[in-house]
Full PDB file with SEQRES, HELIX, SHEET, SSBOND, CRYST1, ORIGX, SCALE, CONECT and MASTER records, all heavy atoms in Angstrom:
SEQRES   1 A   41  PRO ILE GLY VAL LEU THR GLU SER GLU THR PRO LEU LEU          
SEQRES   2 A   41  GLU VAL VAL ARG GLU GLY ALA PRO GLY LEU PRO ILE ASP          
SEQRES   3 A   41  THR ILE PHE PRO PHE MET THR MET PHE ALA VAL ALA ASN          
SEQRES   4 A   41  SER ALA                                                      
HELIX    1 AA1 ILE A    2  GLU A    7  1                                   6    
HELIX    2 AA2 PRO A   11  GLY A   19  1                                   9    
HELIX    3 AA3 PRO A   24  THR A   27  5                                   4    
HELIX    4 AA4 PHE A   29  SER A   40  1                                  12    
CRYST1    1.000    1.000    1.000  90.00  90.00  90.00 P 1           1          
ORIGX1      1.000000  0.000000  0.000000        0.00000                         
ORIGX2      0.000000  1.000000  0.000000        0.00000                         
ORIGX3      0.000000  0.000000  1.000000        0.00000                         
SCALE1      1.000000  0.000000  0.000000        0.00000                         
SCALE2      0.000000  1.000000  0.000000        0.00000                         
SCALE3      0.000000  0.000000  1.000000        0.00000                         
ATOM      1  N   PRO A   1     -10.814   6.898  -3.481  1.00  0.00           N  
ATOM      2  CA  PRO A   1     -12.222   6.563  -3.713  1.00  0.00           C  
ATOM      3  C   PRO A   1     -12.561   5.171  -3.182  1.00  0.00           C  
ATOM      4  O   PRO A   1     -11.738   4.251  -3.256  1.00  0.00           O  
ATOM      5  CB  PRO A   1     -12.348   6.615  -5.236  1.00  0.00           C  
ATOM      6  CG  PRO A   1     -11.253   7.531  -5.686  1.00  0.00           C  
ATOM      7  CD  PRO A   1     -10.121   7.303  -4.722  1.00  0.00           C  
ATOM      8  N   ILE A   2     -13.774   5.019  -2.669  1.00  0.00           N  
ATOM      9  CA  ILE A   2     -14.179   3.762  -2.037  1.00  0.00           C  
ATOM     10  C   ILE A   2     -14.081   2.593  -3.018  1.00  0.00           C  
ATOM     11  O   ILE A   2     -13.655   1.487  -2.655  1.00  0.00           O  
ATOM     12  CB  ILE A   2     -15.619   3.872  -1.499  1.00  0.00           C  
ATOM     13  CG1 ILE A   2     -15.715   5.009  -0.474  1.00  0.00           C  
ATOM     14  CG2 ILE A   2     -16.041   2.555  -0.857  1.00  0.00           C  
ATOM     15  CD1 ILE A   2     -14.808   4.835   0.713  1.00  0.00           C  
ATOM     16  N   GLY A   3     -14.450   2.804  -4.252  1.00  0.00           N  
ATOM     17  CA  GLY A   3     -14.410   1.736  -5.241  1.00  0.00           C  
ATOM     18  C   GLY A   3     -13.011   1.181  -5.433  1.00  0.00           C  
ATOM     19  O   GLY A   3     -12.823  -0.034  -5.561  1.00  0.00           O  
ATOM     20  N   VAL A   4     -12.026   2.074  -5.432  1.00  0.00           N  
ATOM     21  CA  VAL A   4     -10.633   1.640  -5.590  1.00  0.00           C  
ATOM     22  C   VAL A   4     -10.181   0.843  -4.370  1.00  0.00           C  
ATOM     23  O   VAL A   4      -9.524  -0.194  -4.481  1.00  0.00           O  
ATOM     24  CB  VAL A   4      -9.711   2.857  -5.802  1.00  0.00           C  
ATOM     25  CG1 VAL A   4      -8.248   2.426  -5.859  1.00  0.00           C  
ATOM     26  CG2 VAL A   4     -10.101   3.598  -7.071  1.00  0.00           C  
ATOM     27  N   LEU A   5     -10.550   1.313  -3.172  1.00  0.00           N  
ATOM     28  CA  LEU A   5     -10.178   0.622  -1.940  1.00  0.00           C  
ATOM     29  C   LEU A   5     -10.762  -0.783  -1.888  1.00  0.00           C  
ATOM     30  O   LEU A   5     -10.104  -1.744  -1.500  1.00  0.00           O  
ATOM     31  CB  LEU A   5     -10.668   1.409  -0.718  1.00  0.00           C  
ATOM     32  CG  LEU A   5      -9.911   2.680  -0.335  1.00  0.00           C  
ATOM     33  CD1 LEU A   5     -10.584   3.353   0.842  1.00  0.00           C  
ATOM     34  CD2 LEU A   5      -8.464   2.354   0.004  1.00  0.00           C  
ATOM     35  N   THR A   6     -12.031  -0.901  -2.266  1.00  0.00           N  
ATOM     36  CA  THR A   6     -12.726  -2.186  -2.173  1.00  0.00           C  
ATOM     37  C   THR A   6     -12.099  -3.224  -3.083  1.00  0.00           C  
ATOM     38  O   THR A   6     -11.981  -4.399  -2.721  1.00  0.00           O  
ATOM     39  CB  THR A   6     -14.212  -2.013  -2.523  1.00  0.00           C  
ATOM     40  OG1 THR A   6     -14.777  -1.006  -1.677  1.00  0.00           O  
ATOM     41  CG2 THR A   6     -14.985  -3.302  -2.328  1.00  0.00           C  
ATOM     42  N   GLU A   7     -11.686  -2.808  -4.262  1.00  0.00           N  
ATOM     43  CA  GLU A   7     -11.153  -3.753  -5.239  1.00  0.00           C  
ATOM     44  C   GLU A   7      -9.690  -4.101  -5.007  1.00  0.00           C  
ATOM     45  O   GLU A   7      -9.202  -5.124  -5.482  1.00  0.00           O  
ATOM     46  CB  GLU A   7     -11.304  -3.163  -6.656  1.00  0.00           C  
ATOM     47  CG  GLU A   7     -12.746  -2.956  -7.104  1.00  0.00           C  
ATOM     48  CD  GLU A   7     -13.509  -4.263  -7.167  1.00  0.00           C  
ATOM     49  OE1 GLU A   7     -12.906  -5.293  -7.544  1.00  0.00           O  
ATOM     50  OE2 GLU A   7     -14.710  -4.274  -6.820  1.00  0.00           O  
ATOM     51  N   SER A   8      -8.983  -3.275  -4.241  1.00  0.00           N  
ATOM     52  CA  SER A   8      -7.542  -3.456  -4.088  1.00  0.00           C  
ATOM     53  C   SER A   8      -7.210  -4.480  -3.005  1.00  0.00           C  
ATOM     54  O   SER A   8      -7.834  -4.514  -1.945  1.00  0.00           O  
ATOM     55  CB  SER A   8      -6.876  -2.125  -3.738  1.00  0.00           C  
ATOM     56  OG  SER A   8      -5.493  -2.293  -3.527  1.00  0.00           O  
ATOM     57  N   GLU A   9      -6.209  -5.338  -3.282  1.00  0.00           N  
ATOM     58  CA  GLU A   9      -5.682  -6.256  -2.277  1.00  0.00           C  
ATOM     59  C   GLU A   9      -4.642  -5.569  -1.392  1.00  0.00           C  
ATOM     60  O   GLU A   9      -4.232  -6.105  -0.372  1.00  0.00           O  
ATOM     61  CB  GLU A   9      -5.042  -7.468  -2.960  1.00  0.00           C  
ATOM     62  CG  GLU A   9      -6.030  -8.427  -3.600  1.00  0.00           C  
ATOM     63  CD  GLU A   9      -6.837  -9.196  -2.571  1.00  0.00           C  
ATOM     64  OE1 GLU A   9      -6.370  -9.333  -1.427  1.00  0.00           O  
ATOM     65  OE2 GLU A   9      -7.944  -9.648  -2.908  1.00  0.00           O  
ATOM     66  N   THR A  10      -4.229  -4.348  -1.801  1.00  0.00           N  
ATOM     67  CA  THR A  10      -3.244  -3.579  -1.029  1.00  0.00           C  
ATOM     68  C   THR A  10      -3.787  -2.165  -0.815  1.00  0.00           C  
ATOM     69  O   THR A  10      -3.263  -1.197  -1.376  1.00  0.00           O  
ATOM     70  CB  THR A  10      -1.899  -3.527  -1.768  1.00  0.00           C  
ATOM     71  OG1 THR A  10      -2.116  -2.997  -3.097  1.00  0.00           O  
ATOM     72  CG2 THR A  10      -1.288  -4.918  -1.883  1.00  0.00           C  
ATOM     73  N   PRO A  11      -4.845  -2.021   0.007  1.00  0.00           N  
ATOM     74  CA  PRO A  11      -5.530  -0.723   0.121  1.00  0.00           C  
ATOM     75  C   PRO A  11      -4.656   0.408   0.654  1.00  0.00           C  
ATOM     76  O   PRO A  11      -4.785   1.549   0.196  1.00  0.00           O  
ATOM     77  CB  PRO A  11      -6.693  -1.024   1.083  1.00  0.00           C  
ATOM     78  CG  PRO A  11      -6.278  -2.253   1.814  1.00  0.00           C  
ATOM     79  CD  PRO A  11      -5.473  -3.047   0.858  1.00  0.00           C  
ATOM     80  N   LEU A  12      -3.768   0.129   1.597  1.00  0.00           N  
ATOM     81  CA  LEU A  12      -2.951   1.213   2.143  1.00  0.00           C  
ATOM     82  C   LEU A  12      -1.899   1.689   1.150  1.00  0.00           C  
ATOM     83  O   LEU A  12      -1.486   2.849   1.190  1.00  0.00           O  
ATOM     84  CB  LEU A  12      -2.288   0.759   3.448  1.00  0.00           C  
ATOM     85  CG  LEU A  12      -3.242   0.345   4.584  1.00  0.00           C  
ATOM     86  CD1 LEU A  12      -2.471   0.195   5.888  1.00  0.00           C  
ATOM     87  CD2 LEU A  12      -4.377   1.333   4.742  1.00  0.00           C  
ATOM     88  N   LEU A  13      -1.486   0.806   0.270  1.00  0.00           N  
ATOM     89  CA  LEU A  13      -0.577   1.219  -0.798  1.00  0.00           C  
ATOM     90  C   LEU A  13      -1.260   2.232  -1.711  1.00  0.00           C  
ATOM     91  O   LEU A  13      -0.614   3.161  -2.219  1.00  0.00           O  
ATOM     92  CB  LEU A  13      -0.109   0.009  -1.595  1.00  0.00           C  
ATOM     93  CG  LEU A  13       0.802   0.279  -2.801  1.00  0.00           C  
ATOM     94  CD1 LEU A  13       2.049   1.029  -2.368  1.00  0.00           C  
ATOM     95  CD2 LEU A  13       1.168  -1.033  -3.481  1.00  0.00           C  
ATOM     96  N   GLU A  14      -2.563   2.094  -1.910  1.00  0.00           N  
ATOM     97  CA  GLU A  14      -3.313   3.044  -2.737  1.00  0.00           C  
ATOM     98  C   GLU A  14      -3.280   4.443  -2.126  1.00  0.00           C  
ATOM     99  O   GLU A  14      -3.242   5.448  -2.851  1.00  0.00           O  
ATOM    100  CB  GLU A  14      -4.768   2.579  -2.899  1.00  0.00           C  
ATOM    101  CG  GLU A  14      -4.944   1.193  -3.491  1.00  0.00           C  
ATOM    102  CD  GLU A  14      -4.379   1.069  -4.886  1.00  0.00           C  
ATOM    103  OE1 GLU A  14      -4.281   2.092  -5.581  1.00  0.00           O  
ATOM    104  OE2 GLU A  14      -4.016  -0.062  -5.275  1.00  0.00           O  
ATOM    105  N   VAL A  15      -3.282   4.517  -0.789  1.00  0.00           N  
ATOM    106  CA  VAL A  15      -3.210   5.821  -0.119  1.00  0.00           C  
ATOM    107  C   VAL A  15      -1.882   6.497  -0.434  1.00  0.00           C  
ATOM    108  O   VAL A  15      -1.821   7.699  -0.744  1.00  0.00           O  
ATOM    109  CB  VAL A  15      -3.376   5.659   1.407  1.00  0.00           C  
ATOM    110  CG1 VAL A  15      -3.249   7.021   2.103  1.00  0.00           C  
ATOM    111  CG2 VAL A  15      -4.715   5.024   1.731  1.00  0.00           C  
ATOM    112  N   VAL A  16      -0.798   5.741  -0.349  1.00  0.00           N  
ATOM    113  CA  VAL A  16       0.526   6.294  -0.632  1.00  0.00           C  
ATOM    114  C   VAL A  16       0.621   6.751  -2.083  1.00  0.00           C  
ATOM    115  O   VAL A  16       1.175   7.818  -2.386  1.00  0.00           O  
ATOM    116  CB  VAL A  16       1.619   5.250  -0.316  1.00  0.00           C  
ATOM    117  CG1 VAL A  16       3.002   5.797  -0.639  1.00  0.00           C  
ATOM    118  CG2 VAL A  16       1.545   4.830   1.146  1.00  0.00           C  
ATOM    119  N   ARG A  17       0.058   5.964  -2.986  1.00  0.00           N  
ATOM    120  CA  ARG A  17       0.096   6.322  -4.404  1.00  0.00           C  
ATOM    121  C   ARG A  17      -0.718   7.582  -4.694  1.00  0.00           C  
ATOM    122  O   ARG A  17      -0.292   8.450  -5.455  1.00  0.00           O  
ATOM    123  CB  ARG A  17      -0.436   5.167  -5.244  1.00  0.00           C  
ATOM    124  CG  ARG A  17       0.522   3.991  -5.344  1.00  0.00           C  
ATOM    125  CD  ARG A  17      -0.140   2.813  -6.019  1.00  0.00           C  
ATOM    126  NE  ARG A  17       0.804   1.708  -6.244  1.00  0.00           N  
ATOM    127  CZ  ARG A  17       0.442   0.470  -6.541  1.00  0.00           C  
ATOM    128  NH1 ARG A  17      -0.853   0.163  -6.651  1.00  0.00           N  
ATOM    129  NH2 ARG A  17       1.354  -0.456  -6.725  1.00  0.00           N  
ATOM    130  N   GLU A  18      -1.897   7.678  -4.090  1.00  0.00           N  
ATOM    131  CA  GLU A  18      -2.769   8.830  -4.336  1.00  0.00           C  
ATOM    132  C   GLU A  18      -2.267  10.085  -3.634  1.00  0.00           C  
ATOM    133  O   GLU A  18      -2.323  11.183  -4.174  1.00  0.00           O  
ATOM    134  CB  GLU A  18      -4.191   8.514  -3.853  1.00  0.00           C  
ATOM    135  CG  GLU A  18      -4.922   7.470  -4.663  1.00  0.00           C  
ATOM    136  CD  GLU A  18      -5.416   8.013  -5.988  1.00  0.00           C  
ATOM    137  OE1 GLU A  18      -5.588   9.242  -6.103  1.00  0.00           O  
ATOM    138  OE2 GLU A  18      -5.614   7.202  -6.912  1.00  0.00           O  
ATOM    139  N   GLY A  19      -1.777   9.919  -2.393  1.00  0.00           N  
ATOM    140  CA  GLY A  19      -1.404  11.081  -1.591  1.00  0.00           C  
ATOM    141  C   GLY A  19      -0.046  11.653  -1.916  1.00  0.00           C  
ATOM    142  O   GLY A  19       0.200  12.841  -1.708  1.00  0.00           O  
ATOM    143  N   ALA A  20       0.862  10.808  -2.413  1.00  0.00           N  
ATOM    144  CA  ALA A  20       2.218  11.287  -2.729  1.00  0.00           C  
ATOM    145  C   ALA A  20       2.702  10.654  -4.015  1.00  0.00           C  
ATOM    146  O   ALA A  20       3.663   9.863  -4.014  1.00  0.00           O  
ATOM    147  CB  ALA A  20       3.159  10.965  -1.569  1.00  0.00           C  
ATOM    148  N   PRO A  21       2.061  10.984  -5.135  1.00  0.00           N  
ATOM    149  CA  PRO A  21       2.414  10.339  -6.406  1.00  0.00           C  
ATOM    150  C   PRO A  21       3.827  10.647  -6.872  1.00  0.00           C  
ATOM    151  O   PRO A  21       4.407   9.888  -7.644  1.00  0.00           O  
ATOM    152  CB  PRO A  21       1.379  10.905  -7.386  1.00  0.00           C  
ATOM    153  CG  PRO A  21       0.953  12.203  -6.775  1.00  0.00           C  
ATOM    154  CD  PRO A  21       0.998  11.988  -5.298  1.00  0.00           C  
ATOM    155  N   GLY A  22       4.401  11.766  -6.405  1.00  0.00           N  
ATOM    156  CA  GLY A  22       5.740  12.131  -6.844  1.00  0.00           C  
ATOM    157  C   GLY A  22       6.847  11.433  -6.080  1.00  0.00           C  
ATOM    158  O   GLY A  22       8.015  11.519  -6.458  1.00  0.00           O  
ATOM    159  N   LEU A  23       6.497  10.773  -5.002  1.00  0.00           N  
ATOM    160  CA  LEU A  23       7.505  10.099  -4.189  1.00  0.00           C  
ATOM    161  C   LEU A  23       7.628   8.629  -4.590  1.00  0.00           C  
ATOM    162  O   LEU A  23       6.627   7.977  -4.882  1.00  0.00           O  
ATOM    163  CB  LEU A  23       7.137  10.190  -2.700  1.00  0.00           C  
ATOM    164  CG  LEU A  23       7.110  11.590  -2.085  1.00  0.00           C  
ATOM    165  CD1 LEU A  23       6.674  11.509  -0.623  1.00  0.00           C  
ATOM    166  CD2 LEU A  23       8.486  12.245  -2.172  1.00  0.00           C  
ATOM    167  N   PRO A  24       8.842   8.099  -4.583  1.00  0.00           N  
ATOM    168  CA  PRO A  24       9.030   6.681  -4.940  1.00  0.00           C  
ATOM    169  C   PRO A  24       8.729   5.743  -3.770  1.00  0.00           C  
ATOM    170  O   PRO A  24       9.042   4.557  -3.837  1.00  0.00           O  
ATOM    171  CB  PRO A  24      10.509   6.631  -5.316  1.00  0.00           C  
ATOM    172  CG  PRO A  24      11.145   7.680  -4.467  1.00  0.00           C  
ATOM    173  CD  PRO A  24      10.131   8.787  -4.360  1.00  0.00           C  
ATOM    174  N   ILE A  25       8.127   6.274  -2.691  1.00  0.00           N  
ATOM    175  CA  ILE A  25       7.911   5.473  -1.495  1.00  0.00           C  
ATOM    176  C   ILE A  25       6.978   4.305  -1.746  1.00  0.00           C  
ATOM    177  O   ILE A  25       7.011   3.303  -1.034  1.00  0.00           O  
ATOM    178  CB  ILE A  25       7.354   6.380  -0.364  1.00  0.00           C  
ATOM    179  CG1 ILE A  25       7.497   5.689   1.005  1.00  0.00           C  
ATOM    180  CG2 ILE A  25       5.906   6.739  -0.620  1.00  0.00           C  
ATOM    181  CD1 ILE A  25       8.888   5.503   1.449  1.00  0.00           C  
ATOM    182  N   ASP A  26       6.134   4.423  -2.793  1.00  0.00           N  
ATOM    183  CA  ASP A  26       5.193   3.330  -3.053  1.00  0.00           C  
ATOM    184  C   ASP A  26       5.907   2.062  -3.506  1.00  0.00           C  
ATOM    185  O   ASP A  26       5.326   0.973  -3.479  1.00  0.00           O  
ATOM    186  CB  ASP A  26       4.137   3.741  -4.079  1.00  0.00           C  
ATOM    187  CG  ASP A  26       4.726   3.940  -5.461  1.00  0.00           C  
ATOM    188  OD1 ASP A  26       5.814   4.529  -5.535  1.00  0.00           O  
ATOM    189  OD2 ASP A  26       4.092   3.508  -6.447  1.00  0.00           O  
ATOM    190  N   THR A  27       7.177   2.199  -3.883  1.00  0.00           N  
ATOM    191  CA  THR A  27       7.941   0.995  -4.240  1.00  0.00           C  
ATOM    192  C   THR A  27       8.489   0.296  -2.996  1.00  0.00           C  
ATOM    193  O   THR A  27       8.826  -0.887  -3.039  1.00  0.00           O  
ATOM    194  CB  THR A  27       9.123   1.358  -5.159  1.00  0.00           C  
ATOM    195  OG1 THR A  27       9.996   2.261  -4.481  1.00  0.00           O  
ATOM    196  CG2 THR A  27       8.619   2.020  -6.433  1.00  0.00           C  
ATOM    197  N   ILE A  28       8.592   1.035  -1.900  1.00  0.00           N  
ATOM    198  CA  ILE A  28       9.099   0.476  -0.644  1.00  0.00           C  
ATOM    199  C   ILE A  28       7.967  -0.053   0.225  1.00  0.00           C  
ATOM    200  O   ILE A  28       8.114  -1.066   0.911  1.00  0.00           O  
ATOM    201  CB  ILE A  28       9.916   1.539   0.132  1.00  0.00           C  
ATOM    202  CG1 ILE A  28      11.077   2.049  -0.719  1.00  0.00           C  
ATOM    203  CG2 ILE A  28      10.413   0.995   1.458  1.00  0.00           C  
ATOM    204  CD1 ILE A  28      11.820   3.203  -0.091  1.00  0.00           C  
ATOM    205  N   PHE A  29       6.816   0.620   0.190  1.00  0.00           N  
ATOM    206  CA  PHE A  29       5.732   0.315   1.109  1.00  0.00           C  
ATOM    207  C   PHE A  29       5.264  -1.143   1.040  1.00  0.00           C  
ATOM    208  O   PHE A  29       5.001  -1.755   2.090  1.00  0.00           O  
ATOM    209  CB  PHE A  29       4.556   1.262   0.863  1.00  0.00           C  
ATOM    210  CG  PHE A  29       3.479   1.163   1.905  1.00  0.00           C  
ATOM    211  CD1 PHE A  29       3.625   1.784   3.133  1.00  0.00           C  
ATOM    212  CD2 PHE A  29       2.322   0.421   1.669  1.00  0.00           C  
ATOM    213  CE1 PHE A  29       2.641   1.678   4.095  1.00  0.00           C  
ATOM    214  CE2 PHE A  29       1.339   0.319   2.623  1.00  0.00           C  
ATOM    215  CZ  PHE A  29       1.505   0.952   3.842  1.00  0.00           C  
ATOM    216  N   PRO A  30       5.112  -1.755  -0.153  1.00  0.00           N  
ATOM    217  CA  PRO A  30       4.685  -3.163  -0.169  1.00  0.00           C  
ATOM    218  C   PRO A  30       5.615  -4.081   0.612  1.00  0.00           C  
ATOM    219  O   PRO A  30       5.166  -5.034   1.244  1.00  0.00           O  
ATOM    220  CB  PRO A  30       4.698  -3.516  -1.663  1.00  0.00           C  
ATOM    221  CG  PRO A  30       4.515  -2.216  -2.363  1.00  0.00           C  
ATOM    222  CD  PRO A  30       5.248  -1.215  -1.515  1.00  0.00           C  
ATOM    223  N   PHE A  31       6.914  -3.769   0.587  1.00  0.00           N  
ATOM    224  CA  PHE A  31       7.863  -4.609   1.302  1.00  0.00           C  
ATOM    225  C   PHE A  31       7.786  -4.386   2.805  1.00  0.00           C  
ATOM    226  O   PHE A  31       8.000  -5.314   3.599  1.00  0.00           O  
ATOM    227  CB  PHE A  31       9.278  -4.357   0.771  1.00  0.00           C  
ATOM    228  CG  PHE A  31       9.426  -4.686  -0.684  1.00  0.00           C  
ATOM    229  CD1 PHE A  31       9.357  -3.697  -1.654  1.00  0.00           C  
ATOM    230  CD2 PHE A  31       9.598  -6.010  -1.086  1.00  0.00           C  
ATOM    231  CE1 PHE A  31       9.473  -4.000  -2.998  1.00  0.00           C  
ATOM    232  CE2 PHE A  31       9.718  -6.322  -2.430  1.00  0.00           C  
ATOM    233  CZ  PHE A  31       9.645  -5.325  -3.394  1.00  0.00           C  
ATOM    234  N   MET A  32       7.442  -3.152   3.220  1.00  0.00           N  
ATOM    235  CA  MET A  32       7.192  -2.895   4.633  1.00  0.00           C  
ATOM    236  C   MET A  32       5.985  -3.700   5.101  1.00  0.00           C  
ATOM    237  O   MET A  32       5.985  -4.286   6.196  1.00  0.00           O  
ATOM    238  CB  MET A  32       6.963  -1.399   4.864  1.00  0.00           C  
ATOM    239  CG  MET A  32       8.152  -0.520   4.539  1.00  0.00           C  
ATOM    240  SD  MET A  32       7.801   1.250   4.718  1.00  0.00           S  
ATOM    241  CE  MET A  32       7.597   1.392   6.484  1.00  0.00           C  
ATOM    242  N   THR A  33       4.961  -3.736   4.269  1.00  0.00           N  
ATOM    243  CA  THR A  33       3.767  -4.524   4.583  1.00  0.00           C  
ATOM    244  C   THR A  33       4.110  -6.002   4.691  1.00  0.00           C  
ATOM    245  O   THR A  33       3.610  -6.707   5.577  1.00  0.00           O  
ATOM    246  CB  THR A  33       2.693  -4.315   3.507  1.00  0.00           C  
ATOM    247  OG1 THR A  33       2.412  -2.919   3.377  1.00  0.00           O  
ATOM    248  CG2 THR A  33       1.414  -5.050   3.861  1.00  0.00           C  
ATOM    249  N   MET A  34       4.950  -6.467   3.789  1.00  0.00           N  
ATOM    250  CA  MET A  34       5.337  -7.883   3.813  1.00  0.00           C  
ATOM    251  C   MET A  34       6.022  -8.254   5.126  1.00  0.00           C  
ATOM    252  O   MET A  34       5.761  -9.314   5.701  1.00  0.00           O  
ATOM    253  CB  MET A  34       6.250  -8.189   2.624  1.00  0.00           C  
ATOM    254  CG  MET A  34       5.522  -8.241   1.284  1.00  0.00           C  
ATOM    255  SD  MET A  34       6.653  -8.065  -0.128  1.00  0.00           S  
ATOM    256  CE  MET A  34       7.805  -9.407   0.180  1.00  0.00           C  
ATOM    257  N   PHE A  35       6.895  -7.377   5.627  1.00  0.00           N  
ATOM    258  CA  PHE A  35       7.538  -7.637   6.909  1.00  0.00           C  
ATOM    259  C   PHE A  35       6.509  -7.701   8.026  1.00  0.00           C  
ATOM    260  O   PHE A  35       6.587  -8.554   8.927  1.00  0.00           O  
ATOM    261  CB  PHE A  35       8.561  -6.535   7.229  1.00  0.00           C  
ATOM    262  CG  PHE A  35       9.925  -6.789   6.656  1.00  0.00           C  
ATOM    263  CD1 PHE A  35      10.382  -6.080   5.563  1.00  0.00           C  
ATOM    264  CD2 PHE A  35      10.753  -7.747   7.231  1.00  0.00           C  
ATOM    265  CE1 PHE A  35      11.648  -6.310   5.043  1.00  0.00           C  
ATOM    266  CE2 PHE A  35      12.018  -7.987   6.714  1.00  0.00           C  
ATOM    267  CZ  PHE A  35      12.470  -7.267   5.620  1.00  0.00           C  
ATOM    268  N   ALA A  36       5.544  -6.793   7.963  1.00  0.00           N  
ATOM    269  CA  ALA A  36       4.534  -6.726   9.013  1.00  0.00           C  
ATOM    270  C   ALA A  36       3.707  -8.004   9.078  1.00  0.00           C  
ATOM    271  O   ALA A  36       3.480  -8.563  10.158  1.00  0.00           O  
ATOM    272  CB  ALA A  36       3.621  -5.522   8.792  1.00  0.00           C  
ATOM    273  N   VAL A  37       3.240  -8.489   7.927  1.00  0.00           N  
ATOM    274  CA  VAL A  37       2.358  -9.654   7.934  1.00  0.00           C  
ATOM    275  C   VAL A  37       3.144 -10.962   8.040  1.00  0.00           C  
ATOM    276  O   VAL A  37       2.601 -11.984   8.485  1.00  0.00           O  
ATOM    277  CB  VAL A  37       1.445  -9.673   6.688  1.00  0.00           C  
ATOM    278  CG1 VAL A  37       0.602  -8.409   6.642  1.00  0.00           C  
ATOM    279  CG2 VAL A  37       2.238  -9.846   5.406  1.00  0.00           C  
ATOM    280  N   ALA A  38       4.418 -10.945   7.635  1.00  0.00           N  
ATOM    281  CA  ALA A  38       5.227 -12.161   7.743  1.00  0.00           C  
ATOM    282  C   ALA A  38       5.384 -12.563   9.200  1.00  0.00           C  
ATOM    283  O   ALA A  38       5.314 -13.753   9.540  1.00  0.00           O  
ATOM    284  CB  ALA A  38       6.595 -11.941   7.100  1.00  0.00           C  
ATOM    285  N   ASN A  39       5.603 -11.589  10.070  1.00  0.00           N  
ATOM    286  CA  ASN A  39       5.723 -11.886  11.495  1.00  0.00           C  
ATOM    287  C   ASN A  39       4.436 -12.506  12.021  1.00  0.00           C  
ATOM    288  O   ASN A  39       4.453 -13.453  12.814  1.00  0.00           O  
ATOM    289  CB  ASN A  39       6.043 -10.601  12.259  1.00  0.00           C  
ATOM    290  CG  ASN A  39       6.321 -10.871  13.720  1.00  0.00           C  
ATOM    291  OD1 ASN A  39       7.009 -11.821  14.073  1.00  0.00           O  
ATOM    292  ND2 ASN A  39       5.780 -10.047  14.592  1.00  0.00           N  
ATOM    293  N   SER A  40       3.295 -11.985  11.571  1.00  0.00           N  
ATOM    294  CA  SER A  40       1.998 -12.518  11.996  1.00  0.00           C  
ATOM    295  C   SER A  40       1.846 -13.974  11.585  1.00  0.00           C  
ATOM    296  O   SER A  40       1.408 -14.823  12.372  1.00  0.00           O  
ATOM    297  CB  SER A  40       0.864 -11.672  11.399  1.00  0.00           C  
ATOM    298  OG  SER A  40      -0.395 -12.215  11.730  1.00  0.00           O  
ATOM    299  N   ALA A  41       2.212 -14.287  10.341  1.00  0.00           N  
ATOM    300  CA  ALA A  41       2.094 -15.665   9.857  1.00  0.00           C  
ATOM    301  C   ALA A  41       3.013 -16.599  10.629  1.00  0.00           C  
ATOM    302  O   ALA A  41       2.615 -17.699  11.024  1.00  0.00           O  
ATOM    303  CB  ALA A  41       2.430 -15.718   8.366  1.00  0.00           C  
TER     304      ALA A  41                                                      
MASTER        0    0    0    4    0    0    0    6  303    1    0    4          
END                                                                             
C-alpha cells in the first residue's frame, strides 16, 4: 500500500515482507541494501 511505502525508510524491504512473508529473506535484505549504499557513500 502507498501509505506504507511513503512512511517507510526501507521501502523495498516492505515488498519482500509483503510478497514473501514465509521466507526469512527479509532478515538478509537490509544487509544487502547496506552493501549497496555503502559503496555509494
